[in-house]
Amino acid sequence: MTKTRHFSATAATTFCQRGVRPPFYALLALLGIGCVSTFEPEITESEVHERIDRELITAALAPVLEGALACGADAMSPGMVRVHISVAPDGRITKTRTVSAPSPELGECVARALGSATFAPTRLGGSFTYPVLF
């Protein structure tokens, strides 16, 4: 039994991002499949928020909130964890700090989970305190 290998444009792009040329690169290049630069749409001035607001916070933290809530699965004492988050203008989280928590371990876990979020770019960035209730 022989194995057939399939190669797609997505696979070629993945190889190229890693700096590896895929098999039959010359043939793929002739077919228009190969290393291409990634496309990042330009953000117009009207689409950029001035600073972090409720809308951006909700959108950025939604994907990581489940992980933050999982921190409390084994928590013995219910309560609220409050994490202060600082965000750079490019959307990266630059600092997280637990403001209050029922236990230091729970606070650290929640801060780590929330700190993995990525925000949309803003002109000024910003900071806020986010509560997670257990």
Protein backbone atom coordinates (compact mmCIF):
# COMPACT_ATOMS: atom_id res chain seq x y z
CA MET A 1 0.00 0.00 0.00
CA THR A 2 1.44 3.40 -0.96
CA LYS A 3 0.73 6.59 0.89
CA THR A 4 -0.32 9.63 -1.08
CA ARG A 5 0.86 12.98 0.21
CA HIS A 6 -1.31 16.00 -0.33
CA PHE A 7 0.14 19.47 -0.18
CA SER A 8 -1.95 22.60 0.08
CA ALA A 9 -1.34 26.33 -0.07
CA THR A 10 -1.90 26.47 3.68
CA ALA A 11 0.78 23.85 4.27
CA ALA A 12 3.17 25.72 1.97
CA THR A 13 2.60 28.93 3.87
CA THR A 14 3.16 27.12 7.19
CA PHE A 15 6.44 25.68 5.90
CA CYS A 16 7.51 29.11 4.71
CA GLN A 17 6.73 30.72 8.06
CA ARG A 18 9.08 28.22 9.66
CA GLY A 19 11.78 29.01 7.10
CA VAL A 20 11.61 25.55 5.51
CA ARG A 21 11.10 25.01 1.81
CA PRO A 22 8.52 22.28 1.18
CA PRO A 23 9.18 19.34 -1.17
CA PHE A 24 8.79 20.18 -4.84
CA TYR A 25 9.11 23.88 -4.06
CA ALA A 26 9.88 24.82 -7.68
CA LEU A 27 6.73 23.10 -8.91
CA LEU A 28 4.65 24.74 -6.22
CA ALA A 29 6.10 28.12 -7.11
CA LEU A 30 5.06 27.60 -10.74
CA LEU A 31 1.54 26.81 -9.57
CA GLY A 32 1.48 29.94 -7.45
CA ILE A 33 1.67 28.03 -4.19
CA GLY A 34 4.63 28.89 -2.04
CA CYS A 35 6.04 31.43 0.30
CA VAL A 36 3.85 34.47 0.45
CA SER A 37 3.91 37.34 2.85
CA THR A 38 1.07 37.33 5.31
CA PHE A 39 -1.67 39.84 4.71
CA GLU A 40 -2.56 42.18 7.52
CA PRO A 41 -5.35 44.59 6.70
CA GLU A 42 -4.62 48.23 7.36
CA ILE A 43 -6.49 49.74 10.24
CA THR A 44 -7.92 53.14 9.41
CA GLU A 45 -7.88 55.98 11.91
CA SER A 46 -11.65 55.80 12.34
CA GLU A 47 -11.46 52.12 13.38
CA VAL A 48 -8.93 52.61 16.19
CA HIS A 49 -10.32 53.27 19.65
CA GLU A 50 -8.77 56.09 21.64
CA ARG A 51 -8.22 53.87 24.69
CA ILE A 52 -9.35 50.58 26.20
CA ASP A 53 -13.12 50.59 26.72
CA ARG A 54 -15.79 48.13 27.84
CA GLU A 55 -16.35 46.84 24.30
CA LEU A 56 -12.64 46.02 23.81
CA ILE A 57 -12.38 44.45 27.28
CA THR A 58 -15.35 42.17 26.65
CA ALA A 59 -14.06 41.09 23.22
CA ALA A 60 -10.50 40.45 24.41
CA LEU A 61 -11.31 38.61 27.65
CA ALA A 62 -14.13 36.41 26.31
CA PRO A 63 -11.74 33.78 24.86
CA VAL A 64 -9.70 33.50 28.10
CA LEU A 65 -12.46 33.84 30.68
CA GLU A 66 -13.19 30.10 30.72
CA GLY A 67 -9.57 29.47 31.70
CA ALA A 68 -9.83 32.04 34.47
CA LEU A 69 -13.01 30.42 35.79
CA ALA A 70 -11.34 26.99 35.70
CA CYS A 71 -8.86 28.31 38.27
CA GLY A 72 -11.66 28.30 40.82
CA ALA A 73 -12.71 24.68 40.20
CA ASP A 74 -10.72 23.53 43.23
CA ALA A 75 -11.02 26.73 45.25
CA MET A 76 -12.13 26.07 48.80
CA SER A 77 -13.26 29.62 49.50
CA PRO A 78 -15.67 31.32 47.13
CA GLY A 79 -15.27 35.00 46.50
CA MET A 80 -14.09 37.56 43.99
CA VAL A 81 -10.67 37.89 42.37
CA ARG A 82 -9.85 41.37 41.10
CA VAL A 83 -6.98 41.68 38.61
CA HIS A 84 -5.51 44.98 37.41
CA ILE A 85 -4.46 44.74 33.75
CA SER A 86 -2.29 47.21 31.81
CA VAL A 87 -2.50 47.16 28.00
CA ALA A 88 -0.05 48.75 25.54
CA PRO A 89 -1.35 50.65 22.48
CA ASP A 90 -0.49 47.66 20.24
CA GLY A 91 -2.88 45.43 22.26
CA ARG A 92 -0.30 43.46 24.28
CA ILE A 93 -0.85 43.06 27.99
CA THR A 94 2.18 44.58 29.69
CA LYS A 95 1.31 43.88 33.31
CA THR A 96 -1.18 41.98 35.45
CA ARG A 97 -1.47 42.38 39.20
CA THR A 98 -3.85 40.69 41.61
CA VAL A 99 -5.65 43.40 43.58
CA SER A 100 -7.64 41.04 45.81
CA ALA A 101 -8.38 37.33 45.99
CA PRO A 102 -9.64 34.74 48.50
CA SER A 103 -6.25 33.01 48.22
CA PRO A 104 -2.90 33.99 46.64
CA GLU A 105 -2.87 30.85 44.47
CA LEU A 106 -6.31 31.60 43.05
CA GLY A 107 -5.31 35.22 42.35
CA GLU A 108 -2.14 34.16 40.54
CA CYS A 109 -3.99 31.58 38.43
CA VAL A 110 -6.68 34.07 37.38
CA ALA A 111 -4.10 36.79 36.63
CA ARG A 112 -2.11 34.35 34.48
CA ALA A 113 -5.24 33.28 32.55
CA LEU A 114 -6.43 36.85 31.94
CA GLY A 115 -2.89 37.92 31.04
CA SER A 116 -2.95 35.67 27.98
CA ALA A 117 -5.57 37.86 26.26
CA THR A 118 -4.80 40.08 23.28
CA PHE A 119 -6.57 43.38 22.72
CA ALA A 120 -7.32 45.33 19.57
CA PRO A 121 -4.88 48.21 19.03
CA THR A 122 -5.76 51.60 20.53
CA ARG A 123 -4.14 55.02 20.34
CA LEU A 124 -3.27 55.22 24.05
CA GLY A 125 -3.65 51.72 25.51
CA GLY A 126 -4.96 51.77 29.05
CA SER A 127 -5.50 49.87 32.24
CA PHE A 128 -8.45 48.56 34.19
CA THR A 129 -9.37 46.25 37.06
CA TYR A 130 -11.40 43.19 36.11
CA PRO A 131 -13.45 41.15 38.65
CA VAL A 132 -13.96 37.40 38.40
CA LEU A 133 -16.58 35.96 40.77
CA PHE A 134 -16.35 32.38 42.08
